[in-house]
Amino acid sequence: MCVGKCTRILGPCLFVLGMLSIAANFFLLFPNWSWKYLQEGHITKQAMQAPGIWGGGITVLLAATHITAVGWRCGCFSDCGTWRNLFLSIILSGLALLGSAACFIMAGLGLTNGPLCLSNGSTYNQVGIQHWNYPFSDTSSQDFTFRADNYLFNRSLWTSVCIEPPGIVLWNVSLFFLLMAITTVEMVLASLQIINGFFGCLCGFCEVK
């Protein structure tokens, strides 16, 4: 596949993935479709840091917009500053690669640590005491730490430990996993565009010749 055609495919794909990343992080801010928890500050830290918006989203969208524009413009016009535009696409793709990698790491942390939720106090042998914390990463109880290390594989804990927001564990696990999947594909496509851009700088757009 020539440089031009590859660019016109990678750009729109990255654009769609960037929009999906922003949407996934946006939904993380509104568990159970409610504004209340965001207003109260009861949102998981990694979701509040919004890596899917600035990392897997904005940086990828900037690269995708430029890559798409270069692909179509240079496919139609012979005088389009091919070398300069492709070099800029390499820079932007590198930023997209770093942003999506940061999002992948932070989503992984969110998935590993579990959500911020109103936890059942009986977990800590304190019946009747409920408080907001990260129960699946809490180390105050050796017995619970053993179970928390395996919470992703023990779905019975998802409803028994976290009382509020309703279904928060499934919500966070699904969306953080989705973010990791999206950013994995973004990193692959951004890397391909970096390679594609280098070939374009050396050889130009094959359809122009």
Protein backbone atom coordinates (compact mmCIF):
# COMPACT_ATOMS: atom_id res chain seq x y z
CA MET A 1 0.00 0.00 0.00
CA CYS A 2 1.44 3.40 -0.95
CA VAL A 3 2.05 6.20 1.54
CA GLY A 4 -0.96 8.26 0.44
CA LYS A 5 -3.53 5.48 0.69
CA CYS A 6 -2.14 4.36 4.05
CA THR A 7 -2.40 7.92 5.38
CA ARG A 8 -6.03 8.24 4.26
CA ILE A 9 -6.89 5.04 6.14
CA LEU A 10 -4.92 5.67 9.35
CA GLY A 11 -6.21 9.22 9.83
CA PRO A 12 -9.95 8.46 10.00
CA CYS A 13 -9.32 5.33 12.10
CA LEU A 14 -7.40 7.36 14.66
CA PHE A 15 -10.14 10.00 14.61
CA VAL A 16 -12.84 7.45 15.47
CA LEU A 17 -10.71 5.90 18.21
CA GLY A 18 -10.00 9.33 19.71
CA MET A 19 -13.71 10.10 19.90
CA LEU A 20 -14.40 6.71 21.51
CA SER A 21 -11.69 7.36 24.09
CA ILE A 22 -13.23 10.70 25.04
CA ALA A 23 -16.69 9.11 25.28
CA ALA A 24 -15.43 6.28 27.50
CA ASN A 25 -13.74 8.70 29.92
CA PHE A 26 -16.82 10.93 29.90
CA PHE A 27 -19.02 8.03 30.98
CA LEU A 28 -16.56 7.19 33.79
CA LEU A 29 -17.38 10.58 35.30
CA PHE A 30 -21.08 9.76 35.55
CA PRO A 31 -21.50 6.34 37.19
CA ASN A 32 -25.02 4.99 36.97
CA TRP A 33 -25.78 7.96 34.66
CA SER A 34 -25.86 10.29 37.66
CA TRP A 35 -24.33 13.78 38.15
CA LYS A 36 -24.46 13.44 41.93
CA TYR A 37 -21.21 11.57 42.42
CA LEU A 38 -19.21 14.01 40.31
CA GLN A 39 -20.67 16.95 42.24
CA GLU A 40 -19.79 15.26 45.53
CA GLY A 41 -16.28 14.36 44.40
CA HIS A 42 -16.94 10.62 44.66
CA ILE A 43 -15.31 9.67 41.37
CA THR A 44 -12.37 7.31 40.92
CA LYS A 45 -9.08 9.24 40.80
CA GLN A 46 -7.96 7.85 37.44
CA ALA A 47 -11.31 8.82 35.90
CA MET A 48 -11.07 12.36 37.31
CA GLN A 49 -7.59 12.74 35.80
CA ALA A 50 -9.31 12.23 32.42
CA PRO A 51 -6.55 10.36 30.53
CA GLY A 52 -9.09 9.27 27.94
CA ILE A 53 -9.86 12.91 27.14
CA TRP A 54 -6.39 14.46 26.93
CA GLY A 55 -4.31 11.32 26.32
CA GLY A 56 -6.28 8.94 24.16
CA GLY A 57 -8.54 11.73 22.93
CA ILE A 58 -7.24 15.23 22.17
CA THR A 59 -3.66 14.31 21.23
CA VAL A 60 -4.94 11.53 18.96
CA LEU A 61 -7.59 13.78 17.38
CA LEU A 62 -4.97 16.43 16.58
CA ALA A 63 -2.82 13.85 14.84
CA ALA A 64 -5.79 12.23 13.11
CA THR A 65 -7.10 15.55 11.75
CA HIS A 66 -3.72 16.50 10.30
CA ILE A 67 -3.03 13.01 8.91
CA THR A 68 -6.44 12.87 7.21
CA ALA A 69 -6.06 16.35 5.74
CA VAL A 70 -2.59 15.56 4.40
CA GLY A 71 -3.74 12.27 2.93
CA TRP A 72 -6.60 13.75 0.94
CA ARG A 73 -4.93 17.03 0.03
CA CYS A 74 -1.73 15.42 -1.20
CA GLY A 75 -3.75 12.79 -3.03
CA CYS A 76 -5.45 15.52 -5.08
CA PHE A 77 -2.81 18.22 -5.48
CA SER A 78 0.80 17.89 -6.53
CA ASP A 79 1.96 21.00 -4.67
CA CYS A 80 0.97 20.33 -1.07
CA GLY A 81 4.23 20.61 0.87
CA THR A 82 4.44 16.82 1.14
CA TRP A 83 7.71 16.63 3.07
CA ARG A 84 6.78 19.33 5.59
CA ASN A 85 3.29 17.95 6.15
CA LEU A 86 4.48 14.39 6.57
CA PHE A 87 7.21 15.49 8.97
CA LEU A 88 4.58 17.31 11.04
CA SER A 89 2.41 14.17 10.95
CA ILE A 90 5.35 12.22 12.42
CA ILE A 91 5.62 14.72 15.29
CA LEU A 92 1.87 14.67 15.97
CA SER A 93 1.77 10.87 15.71
CA GLY A 94 4.58 10.71 18.27
CA LEU A 95 2.54 12.89 20.63
CA ALA A 96 -0.51 10.69 19.99
CA LEU A 97 1.60 7.63 20.79
CA LEU A 98 2.75 9.16 24.09
CA GLY A 99 -0.76 10.32 24.98
CA SER A 100 -2.36 6.96 24.27
CA ALA A 101 0.43 5.18 26.18
CA ALA A 102 -0.19 7.43 29.20
CA CYS A 103 -3.92 6.73 28.96
CA PHE A 104 -3.24 2.98 28.77
CA ILE A 105 -1.12 3.09 31.93
CA MET A 106 -3.59 5.19 33.90
CA ALA A 107 -6.54 3.07 32.78
CA GLY A 108 -4.59 0.01 33.88
CA LEU A 109 -4.08 1.59 37.30
CA GLY A 110 -7.77 2.37 37.53
CA LEU A 111 -8.60 -1.21 36.63
CA THR A 112 -6.09 -2.65 39.12
CA ASN A 113 -6.96 -0.39 42.06
CA GLY A 114 -10.70 -0.66 41.63
CA PRO A 115 -13.29 2.11 42.02
CA LEU A 116 -13.91 4.68 44.71
CA CYS A 117 -17.15 3.61 46.36
CA LEU A 118 -19.16 3.58 49.55
CA SER A 119 -17.92 0.27 50.90
CA ASN A 120 -19.50 -2.17 53.28
CA GLY A 121 -17.86 -1.69 56.68
CA SER A 122 -18.30 -5.38 57.53
CA THR A 123 -15.41 -6.05 55.17
CA TYR A 124 -13.10 -4.62 57.84
CA ASN A 125 -14.88 -6.34 60.73
CA GLN A 126 -16.54 -3.01 61.50
CA VAL A 127 -20.20 -3.87 61.10
CA GLY A 128 -22.40 -0.86 60.46
CA ILE A 129 -19.54 1.44 59.45
CA GLN A 130 -19.64 2.58 55.85
CA HIS A 131 -17.25 5.03 54.21
CA TRP A 132 -15.98 6.13 50.81
CA ASN A 133 -12.67 4.52 49.91
CA TYR A 134 -10.90 2.24 47.45
CA PRO A 135 -11.78 -1.10 49.07
CA PHE A 136 -10.10 -3.26 46.44
CA SER A 137 -6.71 -1.62 46.99
CA ASP A 138 -7.00 -1.11 50.77
CA THR A 139 -4.26 -2.80 52.78
CA SER A 140 -5.74 -2.39 56.25
CA SER A 141 -6.94 -5.99 56.33
CA GLN A 142 -4.76 -8.92 55.32
CA ASP A 143 -7.78 -11.12 54.62
CA PHE A 144 -9.42 -8.49 52.48
CA THR A 145 -6.18 -7.70 50.65
CA PHE A 146 -6.02 -11.32 49.55
CA ARG A 147 -9.55 -11.12 48.17
CA ALA A 148 -9.06 -7.65 46.67
CA ASP A 149 -6.06 -8.85 44.69
CA ASN A 150 -8.45 -11.14 42.85
CA TYR A 151 -11.52 -8.93 42.66
CA LEU A 152 -11.50 -8.88 38.85
CA PHE A 153 -12.00 -12.64 38.83
CA ASN A 154 -14.50 -12.76 41.70
CA ARG A 155 -17.67 -11.02 40.57
CA SER A 156 -19.46 -11.88 43.81
CA LEU A 157 -17.41 -9.10 45.47
CA TRP A 158 -18.66 -6.48 43.04
CA THR A 159 -22.05 -6.05 44.68
CA SER A 160 -21.23 -7.18 48.22
CA VAL A 161 -18.35 -4.74 48.82
CA CYS A 162 -19.42 -1.58 46.98
CA ILE A 163 -22.84 -0.29 48.00
CA GLU A 164 -22.87 3.01 46.13
CA PRO A 165 -22.83 4.03 43.28
CA PRO A 166 -24.93 1.05 42.17
CA GLY A 167 -23.02 -1.23 39.81
CA ILE A 168 -19.88 0.92 40.05
CA VAL A 169 -17.45 -2.01 39.82
CA LEU A 170 -18.90 -3.33 36.56
CA TRP A 171 -19.10 0.26 35.25
CA ASN A 172 -15.44 0.99 35.98
CA VAL A 173 -14.10 -2.39 34.90
CA SER A 174 -15.93 -2.22 31.57
CA LEU A 175 -14.93 1.35 30.73
CA PHE A 176 -11.32 1.13 31.90
CA PHE A 177 -10.91 -2.10 29.96
CA LEU A 178 -12.45 -0.39 26.92
CA LEU A 179 -9.99 2.50 27.31
CA MET A 180 -7.08 0.06 27.43
CA ALA A 181 -8.31 -1.69 24.28
CA ILE A 182 -8.82 1.60 22.44
CA THR A 183 -5.42 3.00 23.37
CA THR A 184 -3.70 -0.25 22.42
CA VAL A 185 -5.05 0.11 18.88
CA GLU A 186 -4.19 3.84 18.91
CA MET A 187 -0.58 3.07 19.80
CA VAL A 188 -0.33 0.55 16.96
CA LEU A 189 -1.84 2.94 14.40
CA ALA A 190 0.23 5.91 15.59
CA SER A 191 3.38 3.79 15.30
CA LEU A 192 2.37 2.75 11.78
CA GLN A 193 1.86 6.39 10.80
CA ILE A 194 5.30 7.31 12.14
CA ILE A 195 6.82 4.60 9.93
CA ASN A 196 4.56 5.62 7.03
CA GLY A 197 5.56 9.25 7.48
CA PHE A 198 9.26 8.43 7.33
CA PHE A 199 8.74 6.56 4.06
CA GLY A 200 6.71 9.49 2.75
CA CYS A 201 9.47 11.97 3.64
CA LEU A 202 11.97 9.82 1.76
CA CYS A 203 9.88 8.75 -1.22
CA GLY A 204 6.91 11.12 -1.36
CA PHE A 205 3.30 10.15 -2.15
CA CYS A 206 3.44 7.36 -4.69
CA GLU A 207 0.25 8.50 -6.48
CA VAL A 208 1.72 11.97 -7.09
CA LYS A 209 4.49 10.55 -9.24
